[in-house]
Amino acid sequence: MKWLLPLLGGFILTLCITPFLISYFRAHKEGQVIWTQGLSWHKSKGGTPTMGGLGFITATLITGIAYGVMFHDLNANLMILLFVFLFFGLIGMWDDSIKVFNHQNDGFKAWQKFALQIFGSLIFALVYWANGFPMAINVFGSDLHLGFLYILFIIFWLTGFSNAVNLTDGLDGLASGLSAISFAAYAVVAYSQSQYEVMAFCLAIVGSLLAFLLFNHRPAKIFMGDMGSLALGATLAAVSIMLHHELSLVWIGLMFVVETLSVMIQVSYYRLTGKRIFKMTPIHHSFEMSGWSEWKIDIVFWLIGLFTAITGVYVML
């Protein structure tokens, strides 16, 4: 029951909420604005409802709180994870709102988004420290004690992965599928550590994302938007910290790392030489320009994500 209820709860609630969101956004003509310099075949996606993250974030929050009340597990661990999921979701919601209502592709200025991400990460770090969790990184089974420098690591980890998932969310279903796989992996690790509230939280997200994927796969009826991607990335990082397997996220979330590195390498190389290494970044667009269909990219990336998740959990257990 401890694993079935949050999984089903997240799935059913998202399945109920998302069609309502699609209808509402379509009726109010509040859809995605496509970057004019992007891929020509993506222009057909213009007007597709966005901010789908509102559905699965709401479903996860309701399911997580209900689980905590039912099983008397509404503790600091669960509450801080719910906070991160909500706070970063609100950052993305604000960003999405600027794009939708102003009919432009750009939302926040980079420094504005970064400042809010740092603020949310800092709150998580202070609660983490106040509750006596280890201020150390788990490096191959040994603790590397950092003291208060660990707070800087937390800020870097949450901010970095929130942006990494955001970069990955460029194809129908790609980020939602990869995120579901990663959270499922951490649910197994949480169960092995008897952190049942963290396990339930992860499973609620998995259930919610699986339901969301029914509407988000190609051709997407709704996008998760920055609201969904920023929340998922930051929360993945927070879960890895709560389970004290921080660096495992580099492997379990390898495709998010690859997407981010492709952008960093492309930008750095272009500034140095005026030339590009990849056809387009994030790297999933490079595969598109090479003739791969969105479904092919999704399936290949999901399979790689599944492999890294399974092998990562095997090593941790």
C-alpha atoms as a PDB file:
ATOM      1  CA  MET A   1       0.000   0.000   0.000  1.00  0.00           C
ATOM      2  CA  LYS A   2       2.866   2.375   0.772  1.00  0.00           C
ATOM      3  CA  TRP A   3       4.063   2.271  -2.811  1.00  0.00           C
ATOM      4  CA  LEU A   4       0.807   1.613  -4.656  1.00  0.00           C
ATOM      5  CA  LEU A   5      -1.229   4.526  -3.251  1.00  0.00           C
ATOM      6  CA  PRO A   6       1.120   7.387  -4.167  1.00  0.00           C
ATOM      7  CA  LEU A   7       1.738   5.880  -7.608  1.00  0.00           C
ATOM      8  CA  LEU A   8      -1.973   5.531  -8.364  1.00  0.00           C
ATOM      9  CA  GLY A   9      -2.866   8.779  -6.634  1.00  0.00           C
ATOM     10  CA  GLY A  10      -0.463  10.813  -8.753  1.00  0.00           C
ATOM     11  CA  PHE A  11      -1.564   9.018 -11.929  1.00  0.00           C
ATOM     12  CA  ILE A  12      -5.317   9.389 -11.410  1.00  0.00           C
ATOM     13  CA  LEU A  13      -5.187  13.024 -10.288  1.00  0.00           C
ATOM     14  CA  THR A  14      -3.007  14.074 -13.219  1.00  0.00           C
ATOM     15  CA  LEU A  15      -5.263  12.131 -15.577  1.00  0.00           C
ATOM     16  CA  CYS A  16      -8.212  14.165 -14.265  1.00  0.00           C
ATOM     17  CA  ILE A  17      -6.538  17.578 -14.096  1.00  0.00           C
ATOM     18  CA  THR A  18      -4.636  17.673 -17.406  1.00  0.00           C
ATOM     19  CA  PRO A  19      -7.635  17.518 -19.810  1.00  0.00           C
ATOM     20  CA  PHE A  20      -9.167  20.438 -17.922  1.00  0.00           C
ATOM     21  CA  LEU A  21      -5.935  22.448 -18.339  1.00  0.00           C
ATOM     22  CA  ILE A  22      -5.797  21.663 -22.065  1.00  0.00           C
ATOM     23  CA  SER A  23      -9.388  22.825 -22.534  1.00  0.00           C
ATOM     24  CA  TYR A  24      -8.864  25.964 -20.458  1.00  0.00           C
ATOM     25  CA  PHE A  25      -5.662  27.069 -22.218  1.00  0.00           C
ATOM     26  CA  ARG A  26      -7.132  26.360 -25.649  1.00  0.00           C
ATOM     27  CA  ALA A  27     -10.300  28.311 -24.849  1.00  0.00           C
ATOM     28  CA  HIS A  28      -8.217  31.286 -23.702  1.00  0.00           C
ATOM     29  CA  LYS A  29      -5.704  30.887 -26.573  1.00  0.00           C
ATOM     30  CA  GLU A  30      -2.831  30.663 -24.103  1.00  0.00           C
ATOM     31  CA  GLY A  31      -0.293  28.513 -25.910  1.00  0.00           C
ATOM     32  CA  GLN A  32       3.427  28.035 -26.478  1.00  0.00           C
ATOM     33  CA  VAL A  33       5.276  30.702 -28.451  1.00  0.00           C
ATOM     34  CA  ILE A  34       7.848  28.993 -30.694  1.00  0.00           C
ATOM     35  CA  TRP A  35      11.313  30.521 -31.106  1.00  0.00           C
ATOM     36  CA  THR A  36      11.339  32.136 -34.563  1.00  0.00           C
ATOM     37  CA  GLN A  37      14.984  31.139 -35.218  1.00  0.00           C
ATOM     38  CA  GLY A  38      14.411  27.523 -34.239  1.00  0.00           C
ATOM     39  CA  LEU A  39      13.675  24.459 -36.358  1.00  0.00           C
ATOM     40  CA  SER A  40      11.131  25.184 -39.087  1.00  0.00           C
ATOM     41  CA  TRP A  41       9.136  22.016 -38.440  1.00  0.00           C
ATOM     42  CA  HIS A  42       8.605  23.063 -34.803  1.00  0.00           C
ATOM     43  CA  LYS A  43       6.558  26.072 -35.876  1.00  0.00           C
ATOM     44  CA  SER A  44       3.504  23.827 -36.189  1.00  0.00           C
ATOM     45  CA  LYS A  45       3.671  23.412 -32.407  1.00  0.00           C
ATOM     46  CA  GLY A  46       2.914  27.075 -31.888  1.00  0.00           C
ATOM     47  CA  GLY A  47      -0.206  27.609 -29.814  1.00  0.00           C
ATOM     48  CA  THR A  48       0.015  24.239 -28.075  1.00  0.00           C
ATOM     49  CA  PRO A  49      -1.071  24.686 -24.445  1.00  0.00           C
ATOM     50  CA  THR A  50       1.824  24.947 -22.019  1.00  0.00           C
ATOM     51  CA  MET A  51       2.224  25.049 -18.226  1.00  0.00           C
ATOM     52  CA  GLY A  52       1.187  21.387 -18.083  1.00  0.00           C
ATOM     53  CA  GLY A  53       3.460  21.158 -15.064  1.00  0.00           C
ATOM     54  CA  LEU A  54       0.603  22.737 -13.129  1.00  0.00           C
ATOM     55  CA  GLY A  55      -1.283  19.449 -13.430  1.00  0.00           C
ATOM     56  CA  PHE A  56       1.354  17.012 -12.243  1.00  0.00           C
ATOM     57  CA  ILE A  57       2.723  19.383  -9.593  1.00  0.00           C
ATOM     58  CA  THR A  58      -0.760  19.809  -8.111  1.00  0.00           C
ATOM     59  CA  ALA A  59      -1.353  16.051  -8.254  1.00  0.00           C
ATOM     60  CA  THR A  60       1.971  15.319  -6.555  1.00  0.00           C
ATOM     61  CA  LEU A  61       1.416  17.869  -3.791  1.00  0.00           C
ATOM     62  CA  ILE A  62      -2.056  16.496  -3.009  1.00  0.00           C
ATOM     63  CA  THR A  63      -0.856  12.897  -3.133  1.00  0.00           C
ATOM     64  CA  GLY A  64       2.241  13.591  -1.048  1.00  0.00           C
ATOM     65  CA  ILE A  65       0.331  15.387   1.690  1.00  0.00           C
ATOM     66  CA  ALA A  66      -2.424  12.745   1.705  1.00  0.00           C
ATOM     67  CA  TYR A  67       0.197  10.003   2.023  1.00  0.00           C
ATOM     68  CA  GLY A  68       1.921  11.825   4.872  1.00  0.00           C
ATOM     69  CA  VAL A  69      -1.342  12.227   6.786  1.00  0.00           C
ATOM     70  CA  MET A  70      -2.522   8.647   6.191  1.00  0.00           C
ATOM     71  CA  PHE A  71       0.749   6.990   7.215  1.00  0.00           C
ATOM     72  CA  HIS A  72       1.905   9.612   9.755  1.00  0.00           C
ATOM     73  CA  ASP A  73       4.933  10.417   7.590  1.00  0.00           C
ATOM     74  CA  LEU A  74       4.326  14.142   7.107  1.00  0.00           C
ATOM     75  CA  ASN A  75       7.810  14.940   8.416  1.00  0.00           C
ATOM     76  CA  ALA A  76      10.514  17.477   7.577  1.00  0.00           C
ATOM     77  CA  ASN A  77      11.937  15.263   4.801  1.00  0.00           C
ATOM     78  CA  LEU A  78       8.670  15.132   2.902  1.00  0.00           C
ATOM     79  CA  MET A  79       7.758  18.759   3.535  1.00  0.00           C
ATOM     80  CA  ILE A  80      11.052  20.159   2.249  1.00  0.00           C
ATOM     81  CA  LEU A  81      10.790  18.068  -0.927  1.00  0.00           C
ATOM     82  CA  LEU A  82       7.244  19.295  -1.468  1.00  0.00           C
ATOM     83  CA  PHE A  83       8.499  22.842  -0.918  1.00  0.00           C
ATOM     84  CA  VAL A  84      11.252  22.498  -3.548  1.00  0.00           C
ATOM     85  CA  PHE A  85       8.810  21.004  -6.045  1.00  0.00           C
ATOM     86  CA  LEU A  86       6.338  23.834  -5.490  1.00  0.00           C
ATOM     87  CA  PHE A  87       8.815  26.710  -5.270  1.00  0.00           C
ATOM     88  CA  PHE A  88      10.706  25.885  -8.448  1.00  0.00           C
ATOM     89  CA  GLY A  89       7.396  25.183 -10.141  1.00  0.00           C
ATOM     90  CA  LEU A  90       6.225  28.693  -9.233  1.00  0.00           C
ATOM     91  CA  ILE A  91       9.439  30.156 -10.692  1.00  0.00           C
ATOM     92  CA  GLY A  92       8.688  28.349 -13.937  1.00  0.00           C
ATOM     93  CA  MET A  93       5.019  29.329 -13.829  1.00  0.00           C
ATOM     94  CA  TRP A  94       5.944  32.985 -13.560  1.00  0.00           C
ATOM     95  CA  ASP A  95       8.400  32.575 -16.432  1.00  0.00           C
ATOM     96  CA  ASP A  96       5.828  30.771 -18.591  1.00  0.00           C
ATOM     97  CA  SER A  97       3.213  33.429 -17.842  1.00  0.00           C
ATOM     98  CA  ILE A  98       5.464  36.182 -19.181  1.00  0.00           C
ATOM     99  CA  LYS A  99       5.954  34.230 -22.417  1.00  0.00           C
ATOM    100  CA  VAL A 100       2.293  33.311 -22.878  1.00  0.00           C
ATOM    101  CA  PHE A 101       0.665  36.619 -21.999  1.00  0.00           C
ATOM    102  CA  ASN A 102       3.263  38.754 -23.812  1.00  0.00           C
ATOM    103  CA  HIS A 103       3.309  36.374 -26.821  1.00  0.00           C
ATOM    104  CA  GLN A 104       7.093  36.055 -26.807  1.00  0.00           C
ATOM    105  CA  ASN A 105       9.591  33.226 -26.464  1.00  0.00           C
ATOM    106  CA  ASP A 106      11.663  34.918 -23.759  1.00  0.00           C
ATOM    107  CA  GLY A 107      10.481  35.038 -20.157  1.00  0.00           C
ATOM    108  CA  PHE A 108      12.586  36.052 -17.183  1.00  0.00           C
ATOM    109  CA  LYS A 109      15.942  37.658 -17.678  1.00  0.00           C
ATOM    110  CA  ALA A 110      18.676  35.143 -16.875  1.00  0.00           C
ATOM    111  CA  TRP A 111      19.746  36.907 -13.686  1.00  0.00           C
ATOM    112  CA  GLN A 112      16.168  37.060 -12.388  1.00  0.00           C
ATOM    113  CA  LYS A 113      15.594  33.331 -12.819  1.00  0.00           C
ATOM    114  CA  PHE A 114      19.033  32.541 -11.382  1.00  0.00           C
ATOM    115  CA  ALA A 115      18.413  34.717  -8.299  1.00  0.00           C
ATOM    116  CA  LEU A 116      15.113  32.955  -7.561  1.00  0.00           C
ATOM    117  CA  GLN A 117      16.700  29.531  -8.055  1.00  0.00           C
ATOM    118  CA  ILE A 118      19.476  30.423  -5.615  1.00  0.00           C
ATOM    119  CA  PHE A 119      16.922  31.663  -3.085  1.00  0.00           C
ATOM    120  CA  GLY A 120      14.884  28.443  -3.249  1.00  0.00           C
ATOM    121  CA  SER A 121      18.045  26.311  -3.051  1.00  0.00           C
ATOM    122  CA  LEU A 122      19.256  28.283  -0.044  1.00  0.00           C
ATOM    123  CA  ILE A 123      16.002  27.650   1.846  1.00  0.00           C
ATOM    124  CA  PHE A 124      16.336  23.918   1.161  1.00  0.00           C
ATOM    125  CA  ALA A 125      19.997  24.032   2.285  1.00  0.00           C
ATOM    126  CA  LEU A 126      19.179  25.806   5.549  1.00  0.00           C
ATOM    127  CA  VAL A 127      16.372  23.366   6.406  1.00  0.00           C
ATOM    128  CA  TYR A 128      18.669  20.469   5.499  1.00  0.00           C
ATOM    129  CA  TRP A 129      21.394  21.826   7.800  1.00  0.00           C
ATOM    130  CA  ALA A 130      18.955  22.664  10.620  1.00  0.00           C
ATOM    131  CA  ASN A 131      17.669  19.080  10.656  1.00  0.00           C
ATOM    132  CA  GLY A 132      21.158  17.682  11.232  1.00  0.00           C
ATOM    133  CA  PHE A 133      21.758  16.007   7.890  1.00  0.00           C
ATOM    134  CA  PRO A 134      25.402  15.308   6.951  1.00  0.00           C
ATOM    135  CA  MET A 135      27.196  18.236   5.367  1.00  0.00           C
ATOM    136  CA  ALA A 136      29.200  15.871   3.217  1.00  0.00           C
ATOM    137  CA  ILE A 137      29.169  14.447  -0.307  1.00  0.00           C
ATOM    138  CA  ASN A 138      29.070  10.683  -0.681  1.00  0.00           C
ATOM    139  CA  VAL A 139      32.054   9.869  -2.922  1.00  0.00           C
ATOM    140  CA  PHE A 140      32.119   6.142  -3.723  1.00  0.00           C
ATOM    141  CA  GLY A 141      30.901   5.219  -0.246  1.00  0.00           C
ATOM    142  CA  SER A 142      33.113   7.658   1.689  1.00  0.00           C
ATOM    143  CA  ASP A 143      31.980  11.019   3.036  1.00  0.00           C
ATOM    144  CA  LEU A 144      33.785  14.119   1.844  1.00  0.00           C
ATOM    145  CA  HIS A 145      32.993  16.597   4.626  1.00  0.00           C
ATOM    146  CA  LEU A 146      32.593  20.140   3.345  1.00  0.00           C
ATOM    147  CA  GLY A 147      31.076  21.928   6.319  1.00  0.00           C
ATOM    148  CA  PHE A 148      29.237  25.056   5.240  1.00  0.00           C
ATOM    149  CA  LEU A 149      30.677  24.720   1.736  1.00  0.00           C
ATOM    150  CA  TYR A 150      28.101  21.964   1.333  1.00  0.00           C
ATOM    151  CA  ILE A 151      25.455  24.689   1.230  1.00  0.00           C
ATOM    152  CA  LEU A 152      27.162  26.081  -1.884  1.00  0.00           C
ATOM    153  CA  PHE A 153      27.119  22.586  -3.351  1.00  0.00           C
ATOM    154  CA  ILE A 154      23.367  22.324  -2.705  1.00  0.00           C
ATOM    155  CA  ILE A 155      22.752  25.636  -4.445  1.00  0.00           C
ATOM    156  CA  PHE A 156      24.853  24.519  -7.423  1.00  0.00           C
ATOM    157  CA  TRP A 157      23.168  21.093  -7.554  1.00  0.00           C
ATOM    158  CA  LEU A 158      19.549  22.280  -7.429  1.00  0.00           C
ATOM    159  CA  THR A 159      20.098  25.225  -9.753  1.00  0.00           C
ATOM    160  CA  GLY A 160      22.187  23.208 -12.199  1.00  0.00           C
ATOM    161  CA  PHE A 161      19.774  20.311 -12.559  1.00  0.00           C
ATOM    162  CA  SER A 162      16.690  22.515 -12.723  1.00  0.00           C
ATOM    163  CA  ASN A 163      18.260  24.169 -15.774  1.00  0.00           C
ATOM    164  CA  ALA A 164      19.447  20.809 -17.156  1.00  0.00           C
ATOM    165  CA  VAL A 165      15.921  19.358 -17.276  1.00  0.00           C
ATOM    166  CA  ASN A 166      14.701  22.668 -18.680  1.00  0.00           C
ATOM    167  CA  LEU A 167      17.175  22.343 -21.583  1.00  0.00           C
ATOM    168  CA  THR A 168      16.109  18.736 -22.182  1.00  0.00           C
ATOM    169  CA  ASP A 169      12.454  19.701 -22.476  1.00  0.00           C
ATOM    170  CA  GLY A 170      12.621  20.479 -26.184  1.00  0.00           C
ATOM    171  CA  LEU A 171      10.873  17.459 -27.709  1.00  0.00           C
ATOM    172  CA  ASP A 172       7.453  15.993 -27.035  1.00  0.00           C
ATOM    173  CA  GLY A 173       7.668  13.595 -24.107  1.00  0.00           C
ATOM    174  CA  LEU A 174      11.468  13.602 -23.789  1.00  0.00           C
ATOM    175  CA  ALA A 175      11.920  15.280 -20.395  1.00  0.00           C
ATOM    176  CA  SER A 176       8.801  13.733 -18.844  1.00  0.00           C
ATOM    177  CA  GLY A 177       9.910  10.211 -19.788  1.00  0.00           C
ATOM    178  CA  LEU A 178      13.487  10.668 -18.594  1.00  0.00           C
ATOM    179  CA  SER A 179      12.305  12.262 -15.337  1.00  0.00           C
ATOM    180  CA  ALA A 180       9.884   9.414 -14.612  1.00  0.00           C
ATOM    181  CA  ILE A 181      12.730   6.908 -15.046  1.00  0.00           C
ATOM    182  CA  SER A 182      15.058   8.858 -12.739  1.00  0.00           C
ATOM    183  CA  PHE A 183      12.476   9.297  -9.983  1.00  0.00           C
ATOM    184  CA  ALA A 184      11.572   5.602 -10.190  1.00  0.00           C
ATOM    185  CA  ALA A 185      15.242   4.758  -9.625  1.00  0.00           C
ATOM    186  CA  TYR A 186      15.414   6.953  -6.544  1.00  0.00           C
ATOM    187  CA  ALA A 187      12.159   5.461  -5.225  1.00  0.00           C
ATOM    188  CA  VAL A 188      13.933   2.073  -5.139  1.00  0.00           C
ATOM    189  CA  VAL A 189      16.915   3.577  -3.315  1.00  0.00           C
ATOM    190  CA  ALA A 190      14.636   5.336  -0.816  1.00  0.00           C
ATOM    191  CA  TYR A 191      12.842   2.047  -0.125  1.00  0.00           C
ATOM    192  CA  SER A 192      16.177   0.309   0.527  1.00  0.00           C
ATOM    193  CA  GLN A 193      17.008   3.028   3.076  1.00  0.00           C
ATOM    194  CA  SER A 194      13.554   2.801   4.696  1.00  0.00           C
ATOM    195  CA  GLN A 195      12.937   6.455   3.796  1.00  0.00           C
ATOM    196  CA  TYR A 196       9.356   5.652   2.910  1.00  0.00           C
ATOM    197  CA  GLU A 197       8.205   9.255   2.736  1.00  0.00           C
ATOM    198  CA  VAL A 198      10.865   9.994   0.092  1.00  0.00           C
ATOM    199  CA  MET A 199       9.903   6.802  -1.738  1.00  0.00           C
ATOM    200  CA  ALA A 200       6.230   7.814  -1.725  1.00  0.00           C
ATOM    201  CA  PHE A 201       7.090  11.292  -2.974  1.00  0.00           C
ATOM    202  CA  CYS A 202       9.132   9.876  -5.856  1.00  0.00           C
ATOM    203  CA  LEU A 203       6.388   7.414  -6.768  1.00  0.00           C
ATOM    204  CA  ALA A 204       3.763  10.163  -6.722  1.00  0.00           C
ATOM    205  CA  ILE A 205       5.864  12.044  -9.279  1.00  0.00           C
ATOM    206  CA  VAL A 206       6.353   8.880 -11.362  1.00  0.00           C
ATOM    207  CA  GLY A 207       2.598   8.230 -11.426  1.00  0.00           C
ATOM    208  CA  SER A 208       1.886  11.854 -12.271  1.00  0.00           C
ATOM    209  CA  LEU A 209       4.445  11.902 -15.090  1.00  0.00           C
ATOM    210  CA  LEU A 210       3.190   8.654 -16.595  1.00  0.00           C
ATOM    211  CA  ALA A 211      -0.307  10.161 -16.782  1.00  0.00           C
ATOM    212  CA  PHE A 212       1.082  13.429 -18.139  1.00  0.00           C
ATOM    213  CA  LEU A 213       3.010  11.507 -20.796  1.00  0.00           C
ATOM    214  CA  LEU A 214      -0.305  10.310 -22.242  1.00  0.00           C
ATOM    215  CA  PHE A 215      -0.932  13.936 -23.264  1.00  0.00           C
ATOM    216  CA  ASN A 216       2.688  15.015 -23.766  1.00  0.00           C
ATOM    217  CA  HIS A 217       3.962  12.365 -26.198  1.00  0.00           C
ATOM    218  CA  ARG A 218       4.188  13.272 -29.870  1.00  0.00           C
ATOM    219  CA  PRO A 219       2.114  15.006 -31.069  1.00  0.00           C
ATOM    220  CA  ALA A 220       1.884  16.763 -27.715  1.00  0.00           C
ATOM    221  CA  LYS A 221      -1.489  18.105 -26.655  1.00  0.00           C
ATOM    222  CA  ILE A 222       0.215  20.076 -23.870  1.00  0.00           C
ATOM    223  CA  PHE A 223       3.769  20.989 -22.859  1.00  0.00           C
ATOM    224  CA  MET A 224       5.056  20.914 -19.282  1.00  0.00           C
ATOM    225  CA  GLY A 225       6.633  24.359 -19.706  1.00  0.00           C
ATOM    226  CA  ASP A 226       9.308  25.828 -17.469  1.00  0.00           C
ATOM    227  CA  MET A 227       6.903  25.262 -14.600  1.00  0.00           C
ATOM    228  CA  GLY A 228       7.301  21.519 -14.948  1.00  0.00           C
ATOM    229  CA  SER A 229      10.922  21.247 -16.046  1.00  0.00           C
ATOM    230  CA  LEU A 230      12.428  23.565 -13.411  1.00  0.00           C
ATOM    231  CA  ALA A 231      10.453  21.788 -10.671  1.00  0.00           C
ATOM    232  CA  LEU A 232      11.491  18.313 -11.838  1.00  0.00           C
ATOM    233  CA  GLY A 233      15.185  19.133 -12.153  1.00  0.00           C
ATOM    234  CA  ALA A 234      15.539  20.849  -8.795  1.00  0.00           C
ATOM    235  CA  THR A 235      13.557  18.116  -7.051  1.00  0.00           C
ATOM    236  CA  LEU A 236      15.670  15.342  -8.591  1.00  0.00           C
ATOM    237  CA  ALA A 237      18.734  17.076  -7.163  1.00  0.00           C
ATOM    238  CA  ALA A 238      17.032  17.496  -3.765  1.00  0.00           C
ATOM    239  CA  VAL A 239      16.075  13.801  -3.653  1.00  0.00           C
ATOM    240  CA  SER A 240      19.648  12.723  -4.455  1.00  0.00           C
ATOM    241  CA  ILE A 241      20.803  14.878  -1.540  1.00  0.00           C
ATOM    242  CA  MET A 242      18.164  13.549   0.861  1.00  0.00           C
ATOM    243  CA  LEU A 243      19.256   9.996   0.028  1.00  0.00           C
ATOM    244  CA  HIS A 244      22.925  10.994   0.442  1.00  0.00           C
ATOM    245  CA  HIS A 245      23.788   9.733  -3.031  1.00  0.00           C
ATOM    246  CA  GLU A 246      24.366  13.146  -4.533  1.00  0.00           C
ATOM    247  CA  LEU A 247      26.802  12.269  -7.315  1.00  0.00           C
ATOM    248  CA  SER A 248      24.690   9.327  -8.457  1.00  0.00           C
ATOM    249  CA  LEU A 249      22.504  11.858 -10.258  1.00  0.00           C
ATOM    250  CA  VAL A 250      25.296  12.469 -12.775  1.00  0.00           C
ATOM    251  CA  TRP A 251      24.827   8.845 -13.907  1.00  0.00           C
ATOM    252  CA  ILE A 252      21.110   8.305 -13.275  1.00  0.00           C
ATOM    253  CA  GLY A 253      20.355  11.631 -14.927  1.00  0.00           C
ATOM    254  CA  LEU A 254      23.094  11.232 -17.531  1.00  0.00           C
ATOM    255  CA  MET A 255      20.984  12.423 -20.461  1.00  0.00           C
ATOM    256  CA  PHE A 256      20.235  15.675 -18.636  1.00  0.00           C
ATOM    257  CA  VAL A 257      23.972  16.125 -18.108  1.00  0.00           C
ATOM    258  CA  VAL A 258      24.741  15.359 -21.765  1.00  0.00           C
ATOM    259  CA  GLU A 259      22.145  17.872 -22.958  1.00  0.00           C
ATOM    260  CA  THR A 260      23.643  20.578 -20.726  1.00  0.00           C
ATOM    261  CA  LEU A 261      27.236  19.800 -21.659  1.00  0.00           C
ATOM    262  CA  SER A 262      26.365  19.973 -25.355  1.00  0.00           C
ATOM    263  CA  VAL A 263      25.172  23.560 -24.871  1.00  0.00           C
ATOM    264  CA  MET A 264      28.195  24.539 -22.781  1.00  0.00           C
ATOM    265  CA  ILE A 265      30.650  23.016 -25.274  1.00  0.00           C
ATOM    266  CA  GLN A 266      28.875  24.581 -28.249  1.00  0.00           C
ATOM    267  CA  VAL A 267      28.808  28.064 -26.740  1.00  0.00           C
ATOM    268  CA  SER A 268      32.430  27.915 -25.515  1.00  0.00           C
ATOM    269  CA  TYR A 269      33.784  26.577 -28.815  1.00  0.00           C
ATOM    270  CA  TYR A 270      31.821  29.130 -30.838  1.00  0.00           C
ATOM    271  CA  ARG A 271      33.147  32.017 -28.749  1.00  0.00           C
ATOM    272  CA  LEU A 272      36.717  30.770 -29.206  1.00  0.00           C
ATOM    273  CA  THR A 273      36.622  29.858 -32.892  1.00  0.00           C
ATOM    274  CA  GLY A 274      33.420  31.232 -34.422  1.00  0.00           C
ATOM    275  CA  LYS A 275      32.545  27.668 -35.452  1.00  0.00           C
ATOM    276  CA  ARG A 276      30.090  25.047 -34.162  1.00  0.00           C
ATOM    277  CA  ILE A 277      30.771  21.466 -33.115  1.00  0.00           C
ATOM    278  CA  PHE A 278      27.147  20.306 -33.181  1.00  0.00           C
ATOM    279  CA  LYS A 279      24.513  21.149 -35.784  1.00  0.00           C
ATOM    280  CA  MET A 280      22.342  22.584 -33.011  1.00  0.00           C
ATOM    281  CA  THR A 281      22.064  22.358 -29.255  1.00  0.00           C
ATOM    282  CA  PRO A 282      20.715  21.052 -26.939  1.00  0.00           C
ATOM    283  CA  ILE A 283      21.957  17.904 -28.634  1.00  0.00           C
ATOM    284  CA  HIS A 284      18.512  16.386 -29.254  1.00  0.00           C
ATOM    285  CA  HIS A 285      18.045  19.080 -31.913  1.00  0.00           C
ATOM    286  CA  SER A 286      21.275  17.956 -33.575  1.00  0.00           C
ATOM    287  CA  PHE A 287      19.794  14.476 -33.975  1.00  0.00           C
ATOM    288  CA  GLU A 288      16.633  16.058 -35.394  1.00  0.00           C
ATOM    289  CA  MET A 289      18.680  17.911 -37.993  1.00  0.00           C
ATOM    290  CA  SER A 290      20.353  14.607 -38.874  1.00  0.00           C
ATOM    291  CA  GLY A 291      16.971  13.184 -39.847  1.00  0.00           C
ATOM    292  CA  TRP A 292      15.900  11.392 -36.653  1.00  0.00           C
ATOM    293  CA  SER A 293      12.212  11.561 -35.810  1.00  0.00           C
ATOM    294  CA  GLU A 294      11.104  12.835 -32.404  1.00  0.00           C
ATOM    295  CA  TRP A 295       9.888   9.350 -31.506  1.00  0.00           C
ATOM    296  CA  LYS A 296      13.260   7.815 -32.375  1.00  0.00           C
ATOM    297  CA  ILE A 297      15.127  10.379 -30.267  1.00  0.00           C
ATOM    298  CA  ASP A 298      12.705   9.872 -27.371  1.00  0.00           C
ATOM    299  CA  ILE A 299      13.017   6.089 -27.405  1.00  0.00           C
ATOM    300  CA  VAL A 300      16.826   6.070 -27.729  1.00  0.00           C
ATOM    301  CA  PHE A 301      17.236   8.649 -24.955  1.00  0.00           C
ATOM    302  CA  TRP A 302      14.711   6.837 -22.737  1.00  0.00           C
ATOM    303  CA  LEU A 303      16.532   3.522 -23.235  1.00  0.00           C
ATOM    304  CA  ILE A 304      19.843   5.115 -22.306  1.00  0.00           C
ATOM    305  CA  GLY A 305      18.170   6.705 -19.281  1.00  0.00           C
ATOM    306  CA  LEU A 306      16.696   3.345 -18.292  1.00  0.00           C
ATOM    307  CA  PHE A 307      20.114   1.687 -18.568  1.00  0.00           C
ATOM    308  CA  THR A 308      21.845   4.324 -16.438  1.00  0.00           C
ATOM    309  CA  ALA A 309      18.993   4.206 -13.875  1.00  0.00           C
ATOM    310  CA  ILE A 310      19.119   0.399 -13.502  1.00  0.00           C
ATOM    311  CA  THR A 311      22.906   0.231 -13.337  1.00  0.00           C
ATOM    312  CA  GLY A 312      23.034   3.217 -10.986  1.00  0.00           C
ATOM    313  CA  VAL A 313      20.578   1.624  -8.566  1.00  0.00           C
ATOM    314  CA  TYR A 314      22.462  -1.689  -8.773  1.00  0.00           C
ATOM    315  CA  VAL A 315      25.698   0.011  -7.727  1.00  0.00           C
ATOM    316  CA  MET A 316      24.033   1.937  -4.886  1.00  0.00           C
ATOM    317  CA  LEU A 317      22.334  -1.183  -3.487  1.00  0.00           C
END
